[in-house]
């Protein structure tokens, strides 16, 4: 099933590890086969990994962008998810954590990232954080 990306002028995204930047006009790209695509707004820079939920998101993002090397990030993901689950009492958030884990075990990293966004949103609501880097809602993938 093709993936249709509508890009704003100058918008960047990562496509199978390559950073691509749109030109000076709005563009629509249609990807005809499976590819790892992540919009710039959904990319978390290492210096912005400063909360427990973002510490989960980051290794999942890296597994998605570097699926061939995903085992390098898996242990960090498991450690951070376990820490997070150890302090959460909300049953829905815990269910989302289990979902993230199941998607990662099935190598469905983009689906795991979507659930990680819910964890970030929950965390931001509880801690009163202003999100930096990764939005809780998204539309690419």
Protein backbone atom coordinates (compact mmCIF):
# COMPACT_ATOMS: atom_id res chain seq x y z
CA UNK A 1 0.00 0.00 0.00
CA UNK A 2 1.56 3.33 -1.06
CA UNK A 3 2.41 6.04 1.47
CA UNK A 4 1.52 9.58 0.45
CA UNK A 5 3.57 12.39 2.02
CA UNK A 6 2.45 16.00 1.67
CA UNK A 7 5.48 18.19 2.32
CA UNK A 8 5.66 21.88 3.10
CA UNK A 9 8.35 24.02 1.48
CA UNK A 10 11.69 23.29 3.17
CA UNK A 11 10.28 20.42 5.25
CA UNK A 12 12.78 17.69 6.09
CA UNK A 13 12.27 14.01 6.68
CA UNK A 14 14.36 10.89 7.02
CA UNK A 15 13.89 8.23 4.35
CA UNK A 16 15.70 4.96 5.02
CA UNK A 17 18.40 6.80 6.94
CA UNK A 18 18.90 9.63 4.44
CA UNK A 19 17.89 13.17 5.40
CA UNK A 20 15.80 14.63 2.57
CA UNK A 21 14.70 18.26 2.33
CA UNK A 22 11.83 19.48 0.21
CA UNK A 23 12.44 22.38 -2.18
CA UNK A 24 10.75 25.75 -2.15
CA UNK A 25 7.25 24.50 -3.09
CA UNK A 26 4.66 22.28 -1.52
CA UNK A 27 5.20 18.71 -2.78
CA UNK A 28 3.43 15.39 -2.63
CA UNK A 29 5.54 12.23 -2.71
CA UNK A 30 4.13 8.75 -3.06
CA UNK A 31 6.30 5.90 -1.79
CA UNK A 32 5.31 2.69 -3.56
CA UNK A 33 7.12 0.22 -1.31
CA UNK A 34 7.98 -0.23 2.37
CA UNK A 35 10.38 2.39 3.68
CA UNK A 36 11.29 3.93 7.02
CA UNK A 37 10.03 7.52 6.93
CA UNK A 38 10.04 9.97 9.80
CA UNK A 39 9.19 13.65 9.57
CA UNK A 40 11.52 16.20 11.13
CA UNK A 41 8.94 17.11 13.82
CA UNK A 42 8.89 13.47 14.95
CA UNK A 43 12.66 13.13 15.21
CA UNK A 44 13.99 13.45 18.73
CA UNK A 45 17.54 14.73 19.03
CA UNK A 46 19.72 13.05 21.64
CA UNK A 47 20.08 16.29 23.63
CA UNK A 48 16.27 16.43 23.99
CA UNK A 49 16.05 12.99 25.61
CA UNK A 50 15.39 14.47 29.06
CA UNK A 51 12.31 12.70 30.44
CA UNK A 52 11.43 9.04 31.09
CA UNK A 53 8.95 8.77 28.19
CA UNK A 54 11.41 10.39 25.78
CA UNK A 55 14.04 7.88 26.97
CA UNK A 56 11.66 5.19 25.70
CA UNK A 57 10.86 7.00 22.44
CA UNK A 58 14.50 7.54 21.46
CA UNK A 59 15.67 3.90 21.23
CA UNK A 60 12.40 2.94 19.50
CA UNK A 61 13.02 5.74 16.98
CA UNK A 62 16.56 4.48 16.45
CA UNK A 63 15.31 0.91 15.91
CA UNK A 64 12.86 2.26 13.33
CA UNK A 65 15.46 4.32 11.49
CA UNK A 66 18.17 1.62 11.69
CA UNK A 67 16.24 -1.64 11.60
CA UNK A 68 19.32 -3.62 10.57
CA UNK A 69 21.08 -2.43 13.74
CA UNK A 70 18.03 -2.52 16.01
CA UNK A 71 19.60 -4.95 18.47
CA UNK A 72 22.01 -2.17 19.51
CA UNK A 73 19.08 -0.13 20.86
CA UNK A 74 16.83 -2.88 22.18
CA UNK A 75 18.45 -3.30 25.64
CA UNK A 76 18.22 0.44 26.31
CA UNK A 77 14.55 0.37 25.26
CA UNK A 78 13.78 -2.54 27.62
CA UNK A 79 15.59 -0.88 30.53
CA UNK A 80 13.80 2.45 30.05
CA UNK A 81 10.37 0.87 29.54
CA UNK A 82 10.81 -1.26 32.66
CA UNK A 83 11.78 1.81 34.73
CA UNK A 84 8.78 3.75 33.40
CA UNK A 85 6.32 0.92 34.07
CA UNK A 86 7.68 0.57 37.60
CA UNK A 87 6.39 4.01 38.59
CA UNK A 88 3.16 4.20 36.59
CA UNK A 89 -0.14 3.22 38.18
CA UNK A 90 -2.51 4.25 35.39
CA UNK A 91 -3.90 1.04 33.79
CA UNK A 92 -4.33 2.62 30.33
CA UNK A 93 -0.77 3.94 30.29
CA UNK A 94 0.51 0.54 31.42
CA UNK A 95 -1.51 -1.07 28.60
CA UNK A 96 0.11 1.38 26.15
CA UNK A 97 3.53 0.36 27.51
CA UNK A 98 2.71 -3.30 26.90
CA UNK A 99 1.57 -2.33 23.39
CA UNK A 100 4.86 -0.54 22.73
CA UNK A 101 6.74 -3.65 23.82
CA UNK A 102 4.62 -5.97 21.66
CA UNK A 103 5.10 -3.77 18.60
CA UNK A 104 8.86 -3.68 19.17
CA UNK A 105 9.03 -7.45 19.54
CA UNK A 106 7.12 -7.74 16.23
CA UNK A 107 9.51 -5.17 14.65
CA UNK A 108 6.56 -2.82 14.10
CA UNK A 109 8.57 0.18 15.17
CA UNK A 110 6.39 2.90 13.66
CA UNK A 111 3.36 1.56 15.53
CA UNK A 112 5.46 1.52 18.70
CA UNK A 113 6.41 5.17 18.09
CA UNK A 114 2.74 6.12 17.84
CA UNK A 115 2.10 4.61 21.28
CA UNK A 116 5.25 6.25 22.64
CA UNK A 117 3.75 9.60 21.67
CA UNK A 118 0.83 8.80 23.97
CA UNK A 119 3.32 8.13 26.78
CA UNK A 120 4.98 11.49 26.13
CA UNK A 121 1.61 13.22 26.12
CA UNK A 122 0.65 11.56 29.42
CA UNK A 123 3.99 12.52 30.95
CA UNK A 124 3.74 16.11 29.71
CA UNK A 125 0.23 16.44 31.17
CA UNK A 126 1.38 15.12 34.55
CA UNK A 127 4.63 17.05 34.73
CA UNK A 128 3.41 20.24 33.08
CA UNK A 129 6.14 20.02 30.45
CA UNK A 130 6.09 22.01 27.27
CA UNK A 131 6.85 19.42 24.58
CA UNK A 132 10.17 19.84 22.80
CA UNK A 133 11.02 17.99 19.64
CA UNK A 134 8.36 15.32 19.44
CA UNK A 135 4.71 16.14 19.13
CA UNK A 136 2.18 13.86 20.79
CA UNK A 137 0.03 13.74 17.66
CA UNK A 138 1.34 12.79 14.25
CA UNK A 139 0.43 11.93 10.71
CA UNK A 140 3.44 10.47 8.90
CA UNK A 141 4.73 7.01 8.74
